[in-house]
């Protein structure tokens, strides 16, 4: 019976890491949702709404920030018990 250890198997990442990763994923998804839209109903008419602040600046910054946050969430050292 020496094969049985009383040690508990642990994941490489802790609960806080997974929560932070979920927050980062939500930021990425929201960023991609903010990028949608802006198409014209008539293909012969150009729609300036495609170049709005939300689609050109805000959404890409949110997506990039979400990816940076994901890296932080993965690299953060979990608390030892």
PDB file of N, CA and C in Angstrom:
ATOM      1  N   UNK A   1       0.806  -1.182   0.000  1.00  0.00           N
ATOM      2  CA  UNK A   1       0.000   0.000   0.000  1.00  0.00           C
ATOM      3  C   UNK A   1       0.858   1.258   0.000  1.00  0.00           C
ATOM      4  N   UNK A   2       2.091   1.158  -0.394  1.00  0.00           N
ATOM      5  CA  UNK A   2       2.950   2.333  -0.440  1.00  0.00           C
ATOM      6  C   UNK A   2       2.639   3.215  -1.647  1.00  0.00           C
ATOM      7  N   UNK A   3       1.815   2.729  -2.592  1.00  0.00           N
ATOM      8  CA  UNK A   3       1.448   3.513  -3.767  1.00  0.00           C
ATOM      9  C   UNK A   3       0.484   4.637  -3.421  1.00  0.00           C
ATOM     10  N   UNK A   4      -0.274   4.460  -2.360  1.00  0.00           N
ATOM     11  CA  UNK A   4      -1.268   5.464  -1.998  1.00  0.00           C
ATOM     12  C   UNK A   4      -0.615   6.568  -1.179  1.00  0.00           C
ATOM     13  N   UNK A   5      -0.665   7.744  -1.733  1.00  0.00           N
ATOM     14  CA  UNK A   5      -0.201   8.919  -1.001  1.00  0.00           C
ATOM     15  C   UNK A   5      -1.411   9.681  -0.513  1.00  0.00           C
ATOM     16  N   UNK A   6      -1.263  10.292   0.605  1.00  0.00           N
ATOM     17  CA  UNK A   6      -2.347  11.112   1.129  1.00  0.00           C
ATOM     18  C   UNK A   6      -2.286  12.535   0.587  1.00  0.00           C
ATOM     19  N   UNK A   7      -1.363  12.764  -0.349  1.00  0.00           N
ATOM     20  CA  UNK A   7      -1.259  14.105  -0.924  1.00  0.00           C
ATOM     21  C   UNK A   7      -2.383  14.331  -1.929  1.00  0.00           C
ATOM     22  N   UNK A   8      -2.869  15.553  -1.929  1.00  0.00           N
ATOM     23  CA  UNK A   8      -3.961  15.930  -2.815  1.00  0.00           C
ATOM     24  C   UNK A   8      -3.384  16.405  -4.147  1.00  0.00           C
ATOM     25  N   UNK A   9      -3.951  15.940  -5.241  1.00  0.00           N
ATOM     26  CA  UNK A   9      -3.497  16.359  -6.563  1.00  0.00           C
ATOM     27  C   UNK A   9      -3.963  17.790  -6.810  1.00  0.00           C
ATOM     28  N   UNK A  10      -3.042  18.661  -7.238  1.00  0.00           N
ATOM     29  CA  UNK A  10      -3.372  20.061  -7.450  1.00  0.00           C
ATOM     30  C   UNK A  10      -3.140  20.456  -8.897  1.00  0.00           C
ATOM     31  N   UNK A  11      -3.924  21.413  -9.350  1.00  0.00           N
ATOM     32  CA  UNK A  11      -3.756  21.954 -10.689  1.00  0.00           C
ATOM     33  C   UNK A  11      -2.597  22.936 -10.696  1.00  0.00           C
ATOM     34  N   UNK A  12      -2.068  23.192 -11.878  1.00  0.00           N
ATOM     35  CA  UNK A  12      -0.978  24.155 -12.001  1.00  0.00           C
ATOM     36  C   UNK A  12      -1.475  25.573 -11.740  1.00  0.00           C
ATOM     37  N   UNK A  13      -2.731  25.838 -12.046  1.00  0.00           N
ATOM     38  CA  UNK A  13      -3.319  27.159 -11.826  1.00  0.00           C
ATOM     39  C   UNK A  13      -4.361  27.068 -10.720  1.00  0.00           C
ATOM     40  N   UNK A  14      -4.466  28.121  -9.955  1.00  0.00           N
ATOM     41  CA  UNK A  14      -5.430  28.154  -8.867  1.00  0.00           C
ATOM     42  C   UNK A  14      -6.769  28.716  -9.307  1.00  0.00           C
ATOM     43  N   UNK A  15      -7.692  28.757  -8.355  1.00  0.00           N
ATOM     44  CA  UNK A  15      -9.038  29.251  -8.634  1.00  0.00           C
ATOM     45  C   UNK A  15      -8.998  30.713  -9.071  1.00  0.00           C
ATOM     46  N   UNK A  16      -8.149  31.506  -8.430  1.00  0.00           N
ATOM     47  CA  UNK A  16      -8.065  32.923  -8.791  1.00  0.00           C
ATOM     48  C   UNK A  16      -7.563  33.102 -10.225  1.00  0.00           C
ATOM     49  N   UNK A  17      -6.670  32.217 -10.667  1.00  0.00           N
ATOM     50  CA  UNK A  17      -6.179  32.291 -12.041  1.00  0.00           C
ATOM     51  C   UNK A  17      -7.317  32.065 -13.035  1.00  0.00           C
ATOM     52  N   UNK A  18      -8.164  31.095 -12.754  1.00  0.00           N
ATOM     53  CA  UNK A  18      -9.271  30.800 -13.662  1.00  0.00           C
ATOM     54  C   UNK A  18     -10.298  31.929 -13.671  1.00  0.00           C
ATOM     55  N   UNK A  19     -10.513  32.559 -12.521  1.00  0.00           N
ATOM     56  CA  UNK A  19     -11.433  33.694 -12.471  1.00  0.00           C
ATOM     57  C   UNK A  19     -10.877  34.855 -13.295  1.00  0.00           C
ATOM     58  N   UNK A  20      -9.586  35.131 -13.140  1.00  0.00           N
ATOM     59  CA  UNK A  20      -8.954  36.198 -13.917  1.00  0.00           C
ATOM     60  C   UNK A  20      -8.969  35.879 -15.414  1.00  0.00           C
ATOM     61  N   UNK A  21      -8.783  34.615 -15.761  1.00  0.00           N
ATOM     62  CA  UNK A  21      -8.831  34.225 -17.169  1.00  0.00           C
ATOM     63  C   UNK A  21     -10.230  34.423 -17.745  1.00  0.00           C
ATOM     64  N   UNK A  22     -11.259  34.155 -16.954  1.00  0.00           N
ATOM     65  CA  UNK A  22     -12.632  34.369 -17.413  1.00  0.00           C
ATOM     66  C   UNK A  22     -12.900  35.852 -17.643  1.00  0.00           C
ATOM     67  N   UNK A  23     -12.351  36.710 -16.773  1.00  0.00           N
ATOM     68  CA  UNK A  23     -12.508  38.156 -16.948  1.00  0.00           C
ATOM     69  C   UNK A  23     -11.815  38.605 -18.235  1.00  0.00           C
ATOM     70  N   UNK A  24     -10.604  38.109 -18.478  1.00  0.00           N
ATOM     71  CA  UNK A  24      -9.888  38.446 -19.705  1.00  0.00           C
ATOM     72  C   UNK A  24     -10.624  37.976 -20.942  1.00  0.00           C
ATOM     73  N   UNK A  25     -11.185  36.777 -20.890  1.00  0.00           N
ATOM     74  CA  UNK A  25     -11.950  36.252 -22.024  1.00  0.00           C
ATOM     75  C   UNK A  25     -13.190  37.096 -22.283  1.00  0.00           C
ATOM     76  N   UNK A  26     -13.843  37.529 -21.210  1.00  0.00           N
ATOM     77  CA  UNK A  26     -15.019  38.391 -21.371  1.00  0.00           C
ATOM     78  C   UNK A  26     -14.641  39.709 -22.026  1.00  0.00           C
ATOM     79  N   UNK A  27     -13.492  40.278 -21.652  1.00  0.00           N
ATOM     80  CA  UNK A  27     -13.037  41.525 -22.263  1.00  0.00           C
ATOM     81  C   UNK A  27     -12.763  41.329 -23.755  1.00  0.00           C
ATOM     82  N   UNK A  28     -12.169  40.208 -24.117  1.00  0.00           N
ATOM     83  CA  UNK A  28     -11.888  39.924 -25.525  1.00  0.00           C
ATOM     84  C   UNK A  28     -13.183  39.780 -26.314  1.00  0.00           C
ATOM     85  N   UNK A  29     -14.132  39.054 -25.769  1.00  0.00           N
ATOM     86  CA  UNK A  29     -15.417  38.849 -26.458  1.00  0.00           C
ATOM     87  C   UNK A  29     -16.160  40.175 -26.614  1.00  0.00           C
ATOM     88  N   UNK A  30     -16.164  40.993 -25.565  1.00  0.00           N
ATOM     89  CA  UNK A  30     -16.833  42.296 -25.647  1.00  0.00           C
ATOM     90  C   UNK A  30     -16.161  43.166 -26.702  1.00  0.00           C
ATOM     91  N   UNK A  31     -14.832  43.108 -26.766  1.00  0.00           N
ATOM     92  CA  UNK A  31     -14.112  43.877 -27.783  1.00  0.00           C
ATOM     93  C   UNK A  31     -14.493  43.463 -29.194  1.00  0.00           C
ATOM     94  N   UNK A  32     -14.598  42.170 -29.439  1.00  0.00           N
ATOM     95  CA  UNK A  32     -14.990  41.720 -30.776  1.00  0.00           C
ATOM     96  C   UNK A  32     -16.444  42.077 -31.080  1.00  0.00           C
ATOM     97  N   UNK A  33     -17.292  42.046 -30.071  1.00  0.00           N
ATOM     98  CA  UNK A  33     -18.688  42.445 -30.288  1.00  0.00           C
ATOM     99  C   UNK A  33     -18.761  43.928 -30.648  1.00  0.00           C
ATOM    100  N   UNK A  34     -17.927  44.750 -29.985  1.00  0.00           N
ATOM    101  CA  UNK A  34     -17.923  46.185 -30.291  1.00  0.00           C
ATOM    102  C   UNK A  34     -17.411  46.471 -31.701  1.00  0.00           C
ATOM    103  N   UNK A  35     -16.629  45.576 -32.274  1.00  0.00           N
ATOM    104  CA  UNK A  35     -16.121  45.776 -33.632  1.00  0.00           C
ATOM    105  C   UNK A  35     -17.157  45.492 -34.706  1.00  0.00           C
ATOM    106  N   UNK A  36     -18.222  44.803 -34.381  1.00  0.00           N
ATOM    107  CA  UNK A  36     -19.197  44.404 -35.393  1.00  0.00           C
ATOM    108  C   UNK A  36     -20.019  45.584 -35.870  1.00  0.00           C
ATOM    109  N   UNK A  37     -20.636  45.413 -37.014  1.00  0.00           N
ATOM    110  CA  UNK A  37     -21.543  46.411 -37.565  1.00  0.00           C
ATOM    111  C   UNK A  37     -20.852  47.361 -38.514  1.00  0.00           C
ATOM    112  N   UNK A  38     -21.574  48.398 -38.883  1.00  0.00           N
ATOM    113  CA  UNK A  38     -21.032  49.433 -39.748  1.00  0.00           C
ATOM    114  C   UNK A  38     -21.174  49.169 -41.224  1.00  0.00           C
ATOM    115  N   UNK A  39     -21.823  48.079 -41.593  1.00  0.00           N
ATOM    116  CA  UNK A  39     -21.969  47.820 -43.029  1.00  0.00           C
ATOM    117  C   UNK A  39     -23.148  48.609 -43.589  1.00  0.00           C
ATOM    118  N   UNK A  40     -23.105  48.818 -44.851  1.00  0.00           N
ATOM    119  CA  UNK A  40     -24.151  49.572 -45.525  1.00  0.00           C
ATOM    120  C   UNK A  40     -25.208  48.616 -46.058  1.00  0.00           C
ATOM    121  N   UNK A  41     -26.456  49.049 -46.013  1.00  0.00           N
ATOM    122  CA  UNK A  41     -27.531  48.210 -46.564  1.00  0.00           C
ATOM    123  C   UNK A  41     -27.506  48.224 -48.086  1.00  0.00           C
ATOM    124  N   UNK A  42     -26.994  49.309 -48.643  1.00  0.00           N
ATOM    125  CA  UNK A  42     -26.894  49.449 -50.101  1.00  0.00           C
ATOM    126  C   UNK A  42     -25.416  49.339 -50.484  1.00  0.00           C
ATOM    127  N   UNK A  43     -25.030  48.367 -51.323  1.00  0.00           N
ATOM    128  CA  UNK A  43     -23.616  48.205 -51.671  1.00  0.00           C
ATOM    129  C   UNK A  43     -23.035  49.369 -52.477  1.00  0.00           C
ATOM    130  N   UNK A  44     -23.877  50.227 -53.022  1.00  0.00           N
ATOM    131  CA  UNK A  44     -23.405  51.367 -53.801  1.00  0.00           C
ATOM    132  C   UNK A  44     -23.175  52.612 -52.949  1.00  0.00           C
ATOM    133  N   UNK A  45     -23.534  52.542 -51.674  1.00  0.00           N
ATOM    134  CA  UNK A  45     -23.408  53.694 -50.777  1.00  0.00           C
ATOM    135  C   UNK A  45     -22.371  53.363 -49.713  1.00  0.00           C
ATOM    136  N   UNK A  46     -21.392  54.280 -49.531  1.00  0.00           N
ATOM    137  CA  UNK A  46     -20.349  54.089 -48.520  1.00  0.00           C
ATOM    138  C   UNK A  46     -20.866  54.573 -47.171  1.00  0.00           C
ATOM    139  N   UNK A  47     -20.661  53.779 -46.140  1.00  0.00           N
ATOM    140  CA  UNK A  47     -21.133  54.117 -44.801  1.00  0.00           C
ATOM    141  C   UNK A  47     -19.941  54.549 -43.941  1.00  0.00           C
ATOM    142  N   UNK A  48     -19.926  55.811 -43.511  1.00  0.00           N
ATOM    143  CA  UNK A  48     -18.850  56.339 -42.676  1.00  0.00           C
ATOM    144  C   UNK A  48     -18.854  55.731 -41.273  1.00  0.00           C
ATOM    145  N   UNK A  49     -19.953  55.151 -40.858  1.00  0.00           N
ATOM    146  CA  UNK A  49     -20.070  54.566 -39.520  1.00  0.00           C
ATOM    147  C   UNK A  49     -19.047  53.444 -39.306  1.00  0.00           C
ATOM    148  N   UNK A  50     -18.536  52.899 -40.387  1.00  0.00           N
ATOM    149  CA  UNK A  50     -17.536  51.841 -40.304  1.00  0.00           C
ATOM    150  C   UNK A  50     -16.268  52.336 -39.608  1.00  0.00           C
ATOM    151  N   UNK A  51     -15.988  53.630 -39.680  1.00  0.00           N
ATOM    152  CA  UNK A  51     -14.779  54.197 -39.105  1.00  0.00           C
ATOM    153  C   UNK A  51     -15.046  54.942 -37.803  1.00  0.00           C
ATOM    154  N   UNK A  52     -16.002  54.479 -37.024  1.00  0.00           N
ATOM    155  CA  UNK A  52     -16.318  55.152 -35.764  1.00  0.00           C
ATOM    156  C   UNK A  52     -15.235  54.880 -34.717  1.00  0.00           C
ATOM    157  N   UNK A  53     -15.184  55.714 -33.696  1.00  0.00           N
ATOM    158  CA  UNK A  53     -14.219  55.571 -32.604  1.00  0.00           C
ATOM    159  C   UNK A  53     -14.336  54.196 -31.952  1.00  0.00           C
ATOM    160  N   UNK A  54     -15.567  53.737 -31.802  1.00  0.00           N
ATOM    161  CA  UNK A  54     -15.812  52.452 -31.143  1.00  0.00           C
ATOM    162  C   UNK A  54     -15.152  51.299 -31.896  1.00  0.00           C
ATOM    163  N   UNK A  55     -15.249  51.298 -33.224  1.00  0.00           N
ATOM    164  CA  UNK A  55     -14.729  50.182 -34.024  1.00  0.00           C
ATOM    165  C   UNK A  55     -13.238  50.281 -34.311  1.00  0.00           C
ATOM    166  N   UNK A  56     -12.725  51.487 -34.438  1.00  0.00           N
ATOM    167  CA  UNK A  56     -11.334  51.680 -34.846  1.00  0.00           C
ATOM    168  C   UNK A  56     -10.390  51.787 -33.652  1.00  0.00           C
ATOM    169  N   UNK A  57     -10.853  52.336 -32.538  1.00  0.00           N
ATOM    170  CA  UNK A  57      -9.960  52.595 -31.408  1.00  0.00           C
ATOM    171  C   UNK A  57     -10.329  51.795 -30.164  1.00  0.00           C
ATOM    172  N   UNK A  58     -11.548  51.945 -29.705  1.00  0.00           N
ATOM    173  CA  UNK A  58     -11.961  51.350 -28.432  1.00  0.00           C
ATOM    174  C   UNK A  58     -11.927  49.822 -28.461  1.00  0.00           C
ATOM    175  N   UNK A  59     -12.546  49.217 -29.449  1.00  0.00           N
ATOM    176  CA  UNK A  59     -12.630  47.755 -29.505  1.00  0.00           C
ATOM    177  C   UNK A  59     -11.264  47.080 -29.635  1.00  0.00           C
ATOM    178  N   UNK A  60     -10.367  47.538 -30.526  1.00  0.00           N
ATOM    179  CA  UNK A  60      -9.048  46.899 -30.585  1.00  0.00           C
ATOM    180  C   UNK A  60      -8.244  47.060 -29.293  1.00  0.00           C
ATOM    181  N   UNK A  61      -8.378  48.223 -28.626  1.00  0.00           N
ATOM    182  CA  UNK A  61      -7.685  48.399 -27.350  1.00  0.00           C
ATOM    183  C   UNK A  61      -8.227  47.450 -26.299  1.00  0.00           C
ATOM    184  N   UNK A  62      -9.532  47.226 -26.296  1.00  0.00           N
ATOM    185  CA  UNK A  62     -10.142  46.302 -25.335  1.00  0.00           C
ATOM    186  C   UNK A  62      -9.700  44.866 -25.603  1.00  0.00           C
ATOM    187  N   UNK A  63      -9.636  44.468 -26.864  1.00  0.00           N
ATOM    188  CA  UNK A  63      -9.178  43.120 -27.215  1.00  0.00           C
ATOM    189  C   UNK A  63      -7.714  42.939 -26.820  1.00  0.00           C
ATOM    190  N   UNK A  64      -6.871  43.924 -27.152  1.00  0.00           N
ATOM    191  CA  UNK A  64      -5.455  43.837 -26.791  1.00  0.00           C
ATOM    192  C   UNK A  64      -5.285  43.784 -25.271  1.00  0.00           C
ATOM    193  N   UNK A  65      -6.021  44.627 -24.568  1.00  0.00           N
ATOM    194  CA  UNK A  65      -5.973  44.603 -23.106  1.00  0.00           C
ATOM    195  C   UNK A  65      -6.427  43.271 -22.542  1.00  0.00           C
ATOM    196  N   UNK A  66      -7.431  42.669 -23.166  1.00  0.00           N
ATOM    197  CA  UNK A  66      -7.895  41.353 -22.725  1.00  0.00           C
ATOM    198  C   UNK A  66      -6.826  40.285 -22.894  1.00  0.00           C
ATOM    199  N   UNK A  67      -6.092  40.337 -24.009  1.00  0.00           N
ATOM    200  CA  UNK A  67      -5.013  39.361 -24.217  1.00  0.00           C
ATOM    201  C   UNK A  67      -3.867  39.579 -23.235  1.00  0.00           C
ATOM    202  N   UNK A  68      -3.529  40.837 -22.956  1.00  0.00           N
ATOM    203  CA  UNK A  68      -2.491  41.122 -21.966  1.00  0.00           C
ATOM    204  C   UNK A  68      -2.941  40.638 -20.587  1.00  0.00           C
ATOM    205  N   UNK A  69      -4.202  40.859 -20.263  1.00  0.00           N
ATOM    206  CA  UNK A  69      -4.748  40.401 -18.979  1.00  0.00           C
ATOM    207  C   UNK A  69      -4.723  38.880 -18.893  1.00  0.00           C
ATOM    208  N   UNK A  70      -4.982  38.200 -20.003  1.00  0.00           N
ATOM    209  CA  UNK A  70      -4.907  36.732 -20.029  1.00  0.00           C
ATOM    210  C   UNK A  70      -3.496  36.254 -19.697  1.00  0.00           C
ATOM    211  N   UNK A  71      -2.491  36.922 -20.250  1.00  0.00           N
ATOM    212  CA  UNK A  71      -1.103  36.548 -19.954  1.00  0.00           C
ATOM    213  C   UNK A  71      -0.822  36.734 -18.473  1.00  0.00           C
ATOM    214  N   UNK A  72      -1.290  37.853 -17.907  1.00  0.00           N
ATOM    215  CA  UNK A  72      -1.115  38.080 -16.477  1.00  0.00           C
ATOM    216  C   UNK A  72      -1.820  36.989 -15.667  1.00  0.00           C
ATOM    217  N   UNK A  73      -3.045  36.642 -16.074  1.00  0.00           N
ATOM    218  CA  UNK A  73      -3.818  35.643 -15.322  1.00  0.00           C
ATOM    219  C   UNK A  73      -3.124  34.286 -15.331  1.00  0.00           C
ATOM    220  N   UNK A  74      -2.467  33.956 -16.424  1.00  0.00           N
ATOM    221  CA  UNK A  74      -1.773  32.670 -16.506  1.00  0.00           C
ATOM    222  C   UNK A  74      -0.471  32.705 -15.713  1.00  0.00           C
ATOM    223  N   UNK A  75       0.230  33.819 -15.775  1.00  0.00           N
ATOM    224  CA  UNK A  75       1.538  33.920 -15.129  1.00  0.00           C
ATOM    225  C   UNK A  75       1.462  34.170 -13.622  1.00  0.00           C
ATOM    226  N   UNK A  76       0.323  34.631 -13.133  1.00  0.00           N
ATOM    227  CA  UNK A  76       0.172  34.942 -11.705  1.00  0.00           C
ATOM    228  C   UNK A  76       0.360  33.671 -10.889  1.00  0.00           C
ATOM    229  N   UNK A  77       1.176  33.768  -9.897  1.00  0.00           N
ATOM    230  CA  UNK A  77       1.477  32.603  -9.064  1.00  0.00           C
ATOM    231  C   UNK A  77       0.299  32.359  -8.112  1.00  0.00           C
ATOM    232  N   UNK A  78      -0.255  31.141  -8.118  1.00  0.00           N
ATOM    233  CA  UNK A  78      -1.376  30.863  -7.209  1.00  0.00           C
ATOM    234  C   UNK A  78      -0.901  30.838  -5.752  1.00  0.00           C
ATOM    235  N   UNK A  79      -1.815  31.155  -4.864  1.00  0.00           N
ATOM    236  CA  UNK A  79      -1.480  31.147  -3.443  1.00  0.00           C
ATOM    237  C   UNK A  79      -1.268  29.723  -2.960  1.00  0.00           C
ATOM    238  N   UNK A  80      -0.250  29.543  -2.155  1.00  0.00           N
ATOM    239  CA  UNK A  80       0.033  28.226  -1.568  1.00  0.00           C
ATOM    240  C   UNK A  80      -0.774  28.076  -0.287  1.00  0.00           C
ATOM    241  N   UNK A  81      -1.296  26.897  -0.061  1.00  0.00           N
ATOM    242  CA  UNK A  81      -2.092  26.649   1.156  1.00  0.00           C
ATOM    243  C   UNK A  81      -1.204  26.273   2.314  1.00  0.00           C
TER     244      UNK A  81
END
